[in-house]
All heavy atoms as atom14 arrays in JSON, in Angstrom:
{
  "sequence": "NDILKPIIKSMKDKADKKNISIDLHVAEN",
  "atom14_mask": [
    [1, 1, 1, 1, 1, 1, 1, 1, 0, 0, 0, 0, 0, 0],
    [1, 1, 1, 1, 1, 1, 1, 1, 0, 0, 0, 0, 0, 0],
    [1, 1, 1, 1, 1, 1, 1, 1, 0, 0, 0, 0, 0, 0],
    [1, 1, 1, 1, 1, 1, 1, 1, 0, 0, 0, 0, 0, 0],
    [1, 1, 1, 1, 1, 1, 1, 1, 1, 0, 0, 0, 0, 0],
    [1, 1, 1, 1, 1, 1, 1, 0, 0, 0, 0, 0, 0, 0],
    [1, 1, 1, 1, 1, 1, 1, 1, 0, 0, 0, 0, 0, 0],
    [1, 1, 1, 1, 1, 1, 1, 1, 0, 0, 0, 0, 0, 0],
    [1, 1, 1, 1, 1, 1, 1, 1, 1, 0, 0, 0, 0, 0],
    [1, 1, 1, 1, 1, 1, 0, 0, 0, 0, 0, 0, 0, 0],
    [1, 1, 1, 1, 1, 1, 1, 1, 0, 0, 0, 0, 0, 0],
    [1, 1, 1, 1, 1, 1, 1, 1, 1, 0, 0, 0, 0, 0],
    [1, 1, 1, 1, 1, 1, 1, 1, 0, 0, 0, 0, 0, 0],
    [1, 1, 1, 1, 1, 1, 1, 1, 1, 0, 0, 0, 0, 0],
    [1, 1, 1, 1, 1, 0, 0, 0, 0, 0, 0, 0, 0, 0],
    [1, 1, 1, 1, 1, 1, 1, 1, 0, 0, 0, 0, 0, 0],
    [1, 1, 1, 1, 1, 1, 1, 1, 1, 0, 0, 0, 0, 0],
    [1, 1, 1, 1, 1, 1, 1, 1, 1, 0, 0, 0, 0, 0],
    [1, 1, 1, 1, 1, 1, 1, 1, 0, 0, 0, 0, 0, 0],
    [1, 1, 1, 1, 1, 1, 1, 1, 0, 0, 0, 0, 0, 0],
    [1, 1, 1, 1, 1, 1, 0, 0, 0, 0, 0, 0, 0, 0],
    [1, 1, 1, 1, 1, 1, 1, 1, 0, 0, 0, 0, 0, 0],
    [1, 1, 1, 1, 1, 1, 1, 1, 0, 0, 0, 0, 0, 0],
    [1, 1, 1, 1, 1, 1, 1, 1, 0, 0, 0, 0, 0, 0],
    [1, 1, 1, 1, 1, 1, 1, 1, 1, 1, 0, 0, 0, 0],
    [1, 1, 1, 1, 1, 1, 1, 0, 0, 0, 0, 0, 0, 0],
    [1, 1, 1, 1, 1, 0, 0, 0, 0, 0, 0, 0, 0, 0],
    [1, 1, 1, 1, 1, 1, 1, 1, 1, 0, 0, 0, 0, 0],
    [1, 1, 1, 1, 1, 1, 1, 1, 0, 0, 0, 0, 0, 0]
  ],
  "atom14_positions": [
    [[0.8, -1.23, 0.0], [0.0, 0.0, 0.0], [0.83, 1.28, 0.0], [0.41, 2.29, -0.56], [-0.95, 0.0, 1.2], [-2.01, -1.08, 1.1], [-2.65, -1.22, 0.07], [-2.2, -1.84, 2.16], [0.0, 0.0, 0.0], [0.0, 0.0, 0.0], [0.0, 0.0, 0.0], [0.0, 0.0, 0.0], [0.0, 0.0, 0.0], [0.0, 0.0, 0.0]],
    [[2.0, 1.24, 0.64], [2.81, 2.46, 0.76], [3.77, 2.65, -0.41], [4.16, 3.79, -0.7], [3.63, 2.43, 2.06], [2.76, 2.46, 3.3], [1.62, 2.95, 3.2], [3.2, 1.98, 4.37], [0.0, 0.0, 0.0], [0.0, 0.0, 0.0], [0.0, 0.0, 0.0], [0.0, 0.0, 0.0], [0.0, 0.0, 0.0], [0.0, 0.0, 0.0]],
    [[4.15, 1.58, -1.08], [5.19, 1.7, -2.11], [4.73, 1.19, -3.47], [4.68, 1.94, -4.45], [6.48, 0.97, -1.66], [7.06, 1.67, -0.41], [7.51, 0.96, -2.8], [8.29, 1.01, 0.15], [0.0, 0.0, 0.0], [0.0, 0.0, 0.0], [0.0, 0.0, 0.0], [0.0, 0.0, 0.0], [0.0, 0.0, 0.0], [0.0, 0.0, 0.0]],
    [[4.38, -0.1, -3.57], [4.13, -0.68, -4.89], [2.87, -0.15, -5.57], [2.9, 0.22, -6.75], [4.06, -2.21, -4.77], [5.37, -2.91, -4.37], [5.15, -4.41, -4.24], [6.48, -2.61, -5.38], [0.0, 0.0, 0.0], [0.0, 0.0, 0.0], [0.0, 0.0, 0.0], [0.0, 0.0, 0.0], [0.0, 0.0, 0.0], [0.0, 0.0, 0.0]],
    [[1.75, -0.1, -4.83], [0.5, 0.38, -5.44], [0.62, 1.8, -6.0], [0.21, 2.06, -7.15], [-0.64, 0.31, -4.43], [-1.39, -1.01, -4.43], [-2.61, -0.93, -3.51], [-3.38, -2.24, -3.53], [-4.55, -2.17, -2.6], [0.0, 0.0, 0.0], [0.0, 0.0, 0.0], [0.0, 0.0, 0.0], [0.0, 0.0, 0.0], [0.0, 0.0, 0.0]],
    [[1.17, 2.76, -5.22], [1.31, 4.12, -5.77], [2.2, 4.18, -7.01], [1.91, 4.94, -7.94], [1.92, 4.91, -4.61], [1.54, 4.16, -3.38], [1.54, 2.71, -3.79], [0.0, 0.0, 0.0], [0.0, 0.0, 0.0], [0.0, 0.0, 0.0], [0.0, 0.0, 0.0], [0.0, 0.0, 0.0], [0.0, 0.0, 0.0], [0.0, 0.0, 0.0]],
    [[3.27, 3.38, -7.05], [4.16, 3.39, -8.21], [3.44, 2.83, -9.43], [3.5, 3.41, -10.52], [5.45, 2.59, -7.93], [6.29, 3.32, -6.88], [6.26, 2.42, -9.21], [7.5, 2.54, -6.41], [0.0, 0.0, 0.0], [0.0, 0.0, 0.0], [0.0, 0.0, 0.0], [0.0, 0.0, 0.0], [0.0, 0.0, 0.0], [0.0, 0.0, 0.0]],
    [[2.75, 1.7, -9.26], [2.02, 1.1, -10.38], [0.98, 2.09, -10.91], [0.82, 2.25, -12.14], [1.33, -0.21, -9.95], [2.36, -1.27, -9.56], [0.41, -0.73, -11.06], [3.24, -1.73, -10.68], [0.0, 0.0, 0.0], [0.0, 0.0, 0.0], [0.0, 0.0, 0.0], [0.0, 0.0, 0.0], [0.0, 0.0, 0.0], [0.0, 0.0, 0.0]],
    [[0.29, 2.77, -10.02], [-0.72, 3.74, -10.43], [-0.09, 4.88, -11.23], [-0.63, 5.31, -12.26], [-1.44, 4.29, -9.19], [-2.59, 5.22, -9.52], [-3.31, 5.67, -8.25], [-4.48, 6.59, -8.58], [-5.19, 7.04, -7.35], [0.0, 0.0, 0.0], [0.0, 0.0, 0.0], [0.0, 0.0, 0.0], [0.0, 0.0, 0.0], [0.0, 0.0, 0.0]],
    [[1.08, 5.36, -10.78], [1.73, 6.48, -11.46], [2.31, 6.06, -12.81], [2.51, 6.9, -13.69], [2.85, 7.05, -10.57], [3.94, 6.16, -10.47], [0.0, 0.0, 0.0], [0.0, 0.0, 0.0], [0.0, 0.0, 0.0], [0.0, 0.0, 0.0], [0.0, 0.0, 0.0], [0.0, 0.0, 0.0], [0.0, 0.0, 0.0], [0.0, 0.0, 0.0]],
    [[2.59, 4.77, -12.99], [3.2, 4.29, -14.23], [2.17, 3.83, -15.26], [2.53, 3.52, -16.4], [4.14, 3.11, -13.92], [5.34, 3.46, -13.07], [6.59, 4.35, -14.0], [7.79, 4.67, -12.7], [0.0, 0.0, 0.0], [0.0, 0.0, 0.0], [0.0, 0.0, 0.0], [0.0, 0.0, 0.0], [0.0, 0.0, 0.0], [0.0, 0.0, 0.0]],
    [[0.92, 3.78, -14.87], [-0.1, 3.21, -15.76], [-0.23, 3.97, -17.07], [-0.39, 3.36, -18.14], [-1.46, 3.15, -15.05], [-2.45, 2.25, -15.78], [-3.72, 2.06, -15.0], [-4.65, 1.07, -15.69], [-4.85, 1.34, -17.12], [0.0, 0.0, 0.0], [0.0, 0.0, 0.0], [0.0, 0.0, 0.0], [0.0, 0.0, 0.0], [0.0, 0.0, 0.0]],
    [[-0.14, 5.3, -17.02], [-0.25, 6.09, -18.25], [0.86, 5.74, -19.24], [0.63, 5.64, -20.44], [-0.2, 7.58, -17.93], [-1.54, 8.1, -17.42], [-2.54, 7.36, -17.55], [-1.59, 9.22, -16.9], [0.0, 0.0, 0.0], [0.0, 0.0, 0.0], [0.0, 0.0, 0.0], [0.0, 0.0, 0.0], [0.0, 0.0, 0.0], [0.0, 0.0, 0.0]],
    [[2.09, 5.56, -18.71], [3.21, 5.21, -19.59], [2.97, 3.86, -20.25], [3.26, 3.69, -21.44], [4.52, 5.18, -18.8], [5.02, 6.54, -18.37], [6.37, 6.45, -17.67], [6.85, 7.84, -17.3], [8.18, 7.81, -16.64], [0.0, 0.0, 0.0], [0.0, 0.0, 0.0], [0.0, 0.0, 0.0], [0.0, 0.0, 0.0], [0.0, 0.0, 0.0]],
    [[2.48, 2.91, -19.48], [2.19, 1.59, -20.03], [1.06, 1.66, -21.06], [1.14, 1.05, -22.13], [1.84, 0.62, -18.92], [0.0, 0.0, 0.0], [0.0, 0.0, 0.0], [0.0, 0.0, 0.0], [0.0, 0.0, 0.0], [0.0, 0.0, 0.0], [0.0, 0.0, 0.0], [0.0, 0.0, 0.0], [0.0, 0.0, 0.0], [0.0, 0.0, 0.0]],
    [[0.01, 2.42, -20.74], [-1.13, 2.54, -21.65], [-0.72, 3.15, -22.99], [-1.21, 2.74, -24.05], [-2.23, 3.41, -21.02], [-2.96, 2.68, -19.9], [-2.81, 1.45, -19.78], [-3.67, 3.36, -19.13], [0.0, 0.0, 0.0], [0.0, 0.0, 0.0], [0.0, 0.0, 0.0], [0.0, 0.0, 0.0], [0.0, 0.0, 0.0], [0.0, 0.0, 0.0]],
    [[0.2, 4.13, -22.95], [0.64, 4.78, -24.19], [1.37, 3.8, -25.1], [1.42, 4.0, -26.31], [1.53, 5.97, -23.86], [0.76, 7.19, -23.35], [1.69, 8.32, -22.99], [0.9, 9.51, -22.44], [1.8, 10.62, -22.0], [0.0, 0.0, 0.0], [0.0, 0.0, 0.0], [0.0, 0.0, 0.0], [0.0, 0.0, 0.0], [0.0, 0.0, 0.0]],
    [[1.95, 2.76, -24.51], [2.66, 1.76, -25.31], [1.79, 0.51, -25.57], [2.26, -0.46, -26.16], [3.95, 1.33, -24.59], [4.95, 2.46, -24.41], [6.24, 1.95, -23.8], [7.02, 1.11, -24.79], [8.35, 0.72, -24.27], [0.0, 0.0, 0.0], [0.0, 0.0, 0.0], [0.0, 0.0, 0.0], [0.0, 0.0, 0.0], [0.0, 0.0, 0.0]],
    [[0.55, 0.58, -25.09], [-0.39, -0.55, -25.25], [0.15, -1.83, -24.62], [-0.03, -2.93, -25.16], [-0.71, -0.78, -26.73], [-1.54, 0.33, -27.32], [-2.46, 0.83, -26.7], [-1.19, 0.74, -28.53], [0.0, 0.0, 0.0], [0.0, 0.0, 0.0], [0.0, 0.0, 0.0], [0.0, 0.0, 0.0], [0.0, 0.0, 0.0], [0.0, 0.0, 0.0]],
    [[0.82, -1.68, -23.48], [1.24, -2.87, -22.73], [0.51, -2.88, -21.39], [0.17, -1.83, -20.84], [2.77, -2.92, -22.52], [3.25, -1.73, -21.68], [3.51, -2.95, -23.85], [4.73, -1.81, -21.33], [0.0, 0.0, 0.0], [0.0, 0.0, 0.0], [0.0, 0.0, 0.0], [0.0, 0.0, 0.0], [0.0, 0.0, 0.0], [0.0, 0.0, 0.0]],
    [[0.26, -4.07, -20.88], [-0.45, -4.18, -19.61], [0.56, -4.12, -18.46], [1.72, -4.53, -18.59], [-1.23, -5.48, -19.54], [-0.35, -6.6, -19.6], [0.0, 0.0, 0.0], [0.0, 0.0, 0.0], [0.0, 0.0, 0.0], [0.0, 0.0, 0.0], [0.0, 0.0, 0.0], [0.0, 0.0, 0.0], [0.0, 0.0, 0.0], [0.0, 0.0, 0.0]],
    [[0.12, -3.59, -17.32], [0.95, -3.57, -16.12], [0.08, -4.02, -14.95], [-1.0, -3.47, -14.71], [1.58, -2.17, -15.87], [2.45, -2.19, -14.62], [0.54, -1.07, -15.82], [3.33, -0.97, -14.47], [0.0, 0.0, 0.0], [0.0, 0.0, 0.0], [0.0, 0.0, 0.0], [0.0, 0.0, 0.0], [0.0, 0.0, 0.0], [0.0, 0.0, 0.0]],
    [[0.54, -5.04, -14.24], [-0.28, -5.64, -13.18], [0.56, -5.84, -11.93], [1.77, -6.1, -11.99], [-0.82, -7.0, -13.63], [-1.76, -6.86, -14.83], [-2.8, -6.2, -14.69], [-1.42, -7.39, -15.9], [0.0, 0.0, 0.0], [0.0, 0.0, 0.0], [0.0, 0.0, 0.0], [0.0, 0.0, 0.0], [0.0, 0.0, 0.0], [0.0, 0.0, 0.0]],
    [[-0.13, -5.76, -10.79], [0.5, -6.0, -9.49], [-0.18, -7.19, -8.83], [-1.41, -7.23, -8.71], [0.36, -4.75, -8.6], [0.82, -4.88, -7.14], [2.3, -5.2, -7.05], [0.49, -3.6, -6.36], [0.0, 0.0, 0.0], [0.0, 0.0, 0.0], [0.0, 0.0, 0.0], [0.0, 0.0, 0.0], [0.0, 0.0, 0.0], [0.0, 0.0, 0.0]],
    [[0.61, -8.17, -8.41], [0.1, -9.35, -7.72], [0.8, -9.45, -6.37], [2.03, -9.58, -6.31], [0.35, -10.62, -8.54], [-0.33, -10.61, -9.87], [-1.58, -11.15, -10.06], [0.04, -10.11, -11.07], [-1.94, -10.99, -11.33], [-0.97, -10.36, -11.96], [0.0, 0.0, 0.0], [0.0, 0.0, 0.0], [0.0, 0.0, 0.0], [0.0, 0.0, 0.0]],
    [[0.01, -9.38, -5.31], [0.57, -9.45, -3.95], [-0.04, -10.65, -3.24], [-1.27, -10.78, -3.17], [0.28, -8.15, -3.17], [0.85, -8.23, -1.77], [0.88, -6.95, -3.9], [0.0, 0.0, 0.0], [0.0, 0.0, 0.0], [0.0, 0.0, 0.0], [0.0, 0.0, 0.0], [0.0, 0.0, 0.0], [0.0, 0.0, 0.0], [0.0, 0.0, 0.0]],
    [[0.83, -11.52, -2.73], [0.37, -12.78, -2.13], [-0.43, -12.56, -0.85], [-1.36, -13.3, -0.54], [1.56, -13.69, -1.85], [0.0, 0.0, 0.0], [0.0, 0.0, 0.0], [0.0, 0.0, 0.0], [0.0, 0.0, 0.0], [0.0, 0.0, 0.0], [0.0, 0.0, 0.0], [0.0, 0.0, 0.0], [0.0, 0.0, 0.0], [0.0, 0.0, 0.0]],
    [[-0.08, -11.53, -0.09], [-0.77, -11.23, 1.16], [-1.14, -9.76, 1.19], [-0.45, -8.92, 0.59], [0.12, -11.57, 2.36], [0.56, -13.03, 2.41], [1.52, -13.29, 3.56], [1.45, -12.57, 4.56], [2.34, -14.21, 3.43], [0.0, 0.0, 0.0], [0.0, 0.0, 0.0], [0.0, 0.0, 0.0], [0.0, 0.0, 0.0], [0.0, 0.0, 0.0]],
    [[-2.21, -9.43, 1.9], [-2.67, -8.05, 1.95], [-1.64, -7.12, 2.59], [-1.46, -5.99, 2.18], [-3.99, -7.94, 2.71], [-5.15, -8.48, 1.9], [-5.11, -8.45, 0.68], [-6.16, -8.99, 2.58], [0.0, 0.0, 0.0], [0.0, 0.0, 0.0], [0.0, 0.0, 0.0], [0.0, 0.0, 0.0], [0.0, 0.0, 0.0], [0.0, 0.0, 0.0]]
  ]
}
């Protein structure tokens, strides 16, 4: 919640512009 989620959210536009998917998978909450 403090590190990975905010980074993935901030990078989504860059991924979308290249038409590539970006996903986060976390084994535990």
